[in-house]
C-alpha cells in the first residue's frame, strides 16, 4: 500500500493531479479540499494517498491531510458510497463541517452535494454516526510538507498508539501532562508515568 508521496507537483487539473517522484509520475485523483492547498506546478509537495484496486484499474487518491484520507476511507465503508461520491463529499464540505453535519443529522446539507440523494444522505448519517468520534481524533502525524505541521503532541500521540494505547486513553494521558511546549520524548515519558499511576 502506498501511504504517501513526496515529490514535485507536475500537473494539477481537477480532479486529476500528477506528482513527479524521482522521475516517476504518479497520477492521482483528489478532492477540491486538497486542490485548494496545493502549491504551483513545479513546487515540492507531499500528499497522503489511498489506493483503490478494481478489475479494470488501480486508482490512487491524494489528500492534503490525514483527516481527509480517514474520512474518505470511512465513507468507502458506507454501502452505496464509492470513491466518486466520497470525493464529492470531501469537495463539498471540510472534514469538520462533515462531522458537524453527521452529529446534527443534517440530511439537507448532504443532499446539496452533487451526486448525493436523500436515501444516500440518510445512509451516510446512519452508518457514519459511530465513526465520527474516531474521525475527529487528532491526526497521527503527516508526511513532511503536507497538511498540518508535525508537533511534539502529534508525534507523542503516534508513539503512544504504536505502544498499544487506545486513542481515547492517549488523549487523556496527553491532557494529564498539560505542558504542550515539552519535547516529544518528555511528553511521552510523562504520559507513561501518568499511565503507571492510573
Foldseek 3Di string as FASTA:
>chain_A
DQFKAKAFWADDDAQWTWGQGPNDTDIAGEAVVQVVPDDDGGHIAMWTWDWDDDPVDIHIHTHLDVLLVVQLVLQCPQPPDDNVLSSQVVNLDPSVRVLVCLVVVPLVSSCVGPPDDSVNSNSCSVSCVVVSVVSPQDDLAGPPHGDDHDALLSPLLNVVVVVPDDRVLSVVLLVVVVDRVDHNVVSNVSSVVVVVVD
